[in-house]
Amino acid sequence: MKSFIVTIAAASALALPVASFSQTTDTGTTRAQVRAELQQLEQAGYDPGKGENPTYPADVQAAEARASATSATGYGGTASGSTSFGSRATTHPASAEEMHQIYFGGQ
């Protein structure tokens, strides 16, 4: 009886990884769709090659708005009638004096 329980435990332990690798049929967004959206954003003025860009979210959102205004596909951008709450803080690169205050305690 004890060997039967061990056999069942071993079989379930071996079956668990197989179940975790199963894939669903819903694939979501394909690579081709992502590439097409990136091309639309680049045509709308977004440059993904800028590197460290402190205005990244605003740049992408502005390009999405321009791309959705020029294309009638409805893919990407913001939908009409959407709302958002809160406010966005305006940021700018720190000046040398501000960096000195940050790293040297405001002296």
C-alpha atoms as a PDB file:
ATOM      1  CA  MET A   1       0.000   0.000   0.000  1.00  0.00           C
ATOM      2  CA  LYS A   2       2.864   2.347   0.851  1.00  0.00           C
ATOM      3  CA  SER A   3       4.488   1.827  -2.567  1.00  0.00           C
ATOM      4  CA  PHE A   4       1.158   2.636  -4.250  1.00  0.00           C
ATOM      5  CA  ILE A   5       0.997   6.019  -2.470  1.00  0.00           C
ATOM      6  CA  VAL A   6       4.599   6.770  -3.397  1.00  0.00           C
ATOM      7  CA  THR A   7       3.854   5.863  -7.030  1.00  0.00           C
ATOM      8  CA  ILE A   8       0.812   8.181  -7.106  1.00  0.00           C
ATOM      9  CA  ALA A   9       2.823  11.029  -5.516  1.00  0.00           C
ATOM     10  CA  ALA A  10       5.653  10.578  -8.024  1.00  0.00           C
ATOM     11  CA  ALA A  11       3.272  10.480 -10.980  1.00  0.00           C
ATOM     12  CA  SER A  12       1.511  13.667  -9.871  1.00  0.00           C
ATOM     13  CA  ALA A  13       4.861  15.383  -9.272  1.00  0.00           C
ATOM     14  CA  LEU A  14       5.942  14.494 -12.808  1.00  0.00           C
ATOM     15  CA  ALA A  15       2.614  15.570 -14.339  1.00  0.00           C
ATOM     16  CA  LEU A  16       2.627  19.014 -12.711  1.00  0.00           C
ATOM     17  CA  PRO A  17       5.401  20.535 -14.905  1.00  0.00           C
ATOM     18  CA  VAL A  18       3.695  19.237 -18.041  1.00  0.00           C
ATOM     19  CA  ALA A  19       0.481  21.046 -17.095  1.00  0.00           C
ATOM     20  CA  SER A  20       2.351  24.293 -16.419  1.00  0.00           C
ATOM     21  CA  PHE A  21       3.778  24.336 -19.968  1.00  0.00           C
ATOM     22  CA  SER A  22       0.399  24.058 -21.663  1.00  0.00           C
ATOM     23  CA  GLN A  23      -0.566  26.991 -23.839  1.00  0.00           C
ATOM     24  CA  THR A  24      -3.917  28.618 -24.273  1.00  0.00           C
ATOM     25  CA  THR A  25      -5.446  29.183 -27.682  1.00  0.00           C
ATOM     26  CA  ASP A  26      -5.797  32.944 -27.059  1.00  0.00           C
ATOM     27  CA  THR A  27      -2.505  34.320 -28.399  1.00  0.00           C
ATOM     28  CA  GLY A  28      -3.182  38.019 -27.758  1.00  0.00           C
ATOM     29  CA  THR A  29      -1.117  40.486 -29.757  1.00  0.00           C
ATOM     30  CA  THR A  30       1.179  39.085 -32.434  1.00  0.00           C
ATOM     31  CA  ARG A  31       4.650  40.359 -33.279  1.00  0.00           C
ATOM     32  CA  ALA A  32       3.374  41.655 -36.589  1.00  0.00           C
ATOM     33  CA  GLN A  33       0.737  43.737 -34.804  1.00  0.00           C
ATOM     34  CA  VAL A  34       3.328  45.168 -32.414  1.00  0.00           C
ATOM     35  CA  ARG A  35       5.656  46.025 -35.292  1.00  0.00           C
ATOM     36  CA  ALA A  36       2.810  47.670 -37.214  1.00  0.00           C
ATOM     37  CA  GLU A  37       1.913  49.763 -34.168  1.00  0.00           C
ATOM     38  CA  LEU A  38       5.552  50.775 -33.700  1.00  0.00           C
ATOM     39  CA  GLN A  39       5.733  51.843 -37.351  1.00  0.00           C
ATOM     40  CA  GLN A  40       2.589  53.942 -36.879  1.00  0.00           C
ATOM     41  CA  LEU A  41       4.126  55.597 -33.812  1.00  0.00           C
ATOM     42  CA  GLU A  42       7.368  56.308 -35.680  1.00  0.00           C
ATOM     43  CA  GLN A  43       5.408  57.855 -38.557  1.00  0.00           C
ATOM     44  CA  ALA A  44       3.571  59.999 -35.999  1.00  0.00           C
ATOM     45  CA  GLY A  45       6.896  61.379 -34.729  1.00  0.00           C
ATOM     46  CA  TYR A  46       7.952  59.004 -31.928  1.00  0.00           C
ATOM     47  CA  ASP A  47      11.653  58.094 -31.890  1.00  0.00           C
ATOM     48  CA  PRO A  48      12.348  54.895 -29.893  1.00  0.00           C
ATOM     49  CA  GLY A  49      16.107  55.290 -30.397  1.00  0.00           C
ATOM     50  CA  LYS A  50      16.474  58.296 -28.085  1.00  0.00           C
ATOM     51  CA  GLY A  51      17.863  56.168 -25.262  1.00  0.00           C
ATOM     52  CA  GLU A  52      17.373  57.606 -21.774  1.00  0.00           C
ATOM     53  CA  ASN A  53      14.405  59.870 -22.403  1.00  0.00           C
ATOM     54  CA  PRO A  54      12.935  61.606 -19.329  1.00  0.00           C
ATOM     55  CA  THR A  55       9.760  62.490 -21.251  1.00  0.00           C
ATOM     56  CA  TYR A  56       9.175  58.918 -22.478  1.00  0.00           C
ATOM     57  CA  PRO A  57       5.568  58.412 -21.338  1.00  0.00           C
ATOM     58  CA  ALA A  58       4.426  61.799 -22.630  1.00  0.00           C
ATOM     59  CA  ASP A  59       6.206  61.279 -25.979  1.00  0.00           C
ATOM     60  CA  VAL A  60       4.569  57.893 -26.557  1.00  0.00           C
ATOM     61  CA  GLN A  61       1.132  59.132 -25.522  1.00  0.00           C
ATOM     62  CA  ALA A  62       1.402  62.155 -27.818  1.00  0.00           C
ATOM     63  CA  ALA A  63       2.482  59.934 -30.728  1.00  0.00           C
ATOM     64  CA  GLU A  64      -0.387  57.534 -29.996  1.00  0.00           C
ATOM     65  CA  ALA A  65      -2.833  60.439 -30.049  1.00  0.00           C
ATOM     66  CA  ARG A  66      -1.436  61.681 -33.386  1.00  0.00           C
ATOM     67  CA  ALA A  67      -1.453  58.151 -34.850  1.00  0.00           C
ATOM     68  CA  SER A  68      -5.023  57.480 -33.747  1.00  0.00           C
ATOM     69  CA  ALA A  69      -6.127  60.826 -35.196  1.00  0.00           C
ATOM     70  CA  THR A  70      -4.597  59.998 -38.594  1.00  0.00           C
ATOM     71  CA  SER A  71      -5.580  56.322 -38.816  1.00  0.00           C
ATOM     72  CA  ALA A  72      -9.078  54.957 -38.821  1.00  0.00           C
ATOM     73  CA  THR A  73      -8.057  51.421 -37.855  1.00  0.00           C
ATOM     74  CA  GLY A  74      -8.863  51.892 -34.192  1.00  0.00           C
ATOM     75  CA  TYR A  75      -5.717  50.011 -33.158  1.00  0.00           C
ATOM     76  CA  GLY A  76      -3.705  51.772 -30.462  1.00  0.00           C
ATOM     77  CA  GLY A  77      -4.108  55.293 -29.200  1.00  0.00           C
ATOM     78  CA  THR A  78      -6.849  56.419 -26.888  1.00  0.00           C
ATOM     79  CA  ALA A  79     -10.481  55.640 -27.407  1.00  0.00           C
ATOM     80  CA  SER A  80     -12.960  58.480 -27.667  1.00  0.00           C
ATOM     81  CA  GLY A  81     -14.904  59.022 -24.478  1.00  0.00           C
ATOM     82  CA  SER A  82     -12.145  57.803 -22.181  1.00  0.00           C
ATOM     83  CA  THR A  83     -11.469  59.686 -18.959  1.00  0.00           C
ATOM     84  CA  SER A  84      -8.519  60.043 -16.659  1.00  0.00           C
ATOM     85  CA  PHE A  85      -8.177  61.419 -13.165  1.00  0.00           C
ATOM     86  CA  GLY A  86      -5.381  63.199 -11.353  1.00  0.00           C
ATOM     87  CA  SER A  87      -2.705  65.402 -12.739  1.00  0.00           C
ATOM     88  CA  ARG A  88       0.693  64.796 -14.220  1.00  0.00           C
ATOM     89  CA  ALA A  89       3.639  66.514 -12.629  1.00  0.00           C
ATOM     90  CA  THR A  90       5.756  68.476 -15.066  1.00  0.00           C
ATOM     91  CA  THR A  91       9.351  67.307 -14.922  1.00  0.00           C
ATOM     92  CA  HIS A  92      12.570  68.695 -16.300  1.00  0.00           C
ATOM     93  CA  PRO A  93      16.208  67.620 -16.132  1.00  0.00           C
ATOM     94  CA  ALA A  94      17.857  68.805 -12.933  1.00  0.00           C
ATOM     95  CA  SER A  95      20.256  71.721 -13.191  1.00  0.00           C
ATOM     96  CA  ALA A  96      23.758  71.590 -11.741  1.00  0.00           C
ATOM     97  CA  GLU A  97      22.589  73.539  -8.683  1.00  0.00           C
ATOM     98  CA  GLU A  98      19.660  71.174  -8.113  1.00  0.00           C
ATOM     99  CA  MET A  99      21.963  68.165  -8.439  1.00  0.00           C
ATOM    100  CA  HIS A 100      24.296  69.719  -5.871  1.00  0.00           C
ATOM    101  CA  GLN A 101      21.349  70.176  -3.496  1.00  0.00           C
ATOM    102  CA  ILE A 102      20.243  66.576  -3.961  1.00  0.00           C
ATOM    103  CA  TYR A 103      23.622  64.959  -3.438  1.00  0.00           C
ATOM    104  CA  PHE A 104      25.183  67.339  -0.924  1.00  0.00           C
ATOM    105  CA  GLY A 105      22.244  68.070   1.359  1.00  0.00           C
ATOM    106  CA  GLY A 106      21.208  71.481   0.038  1.00  0.00           C
ATOM    107  CA  GLN A 107      24.354  73.321   1.066  1.00  0.00           C
END
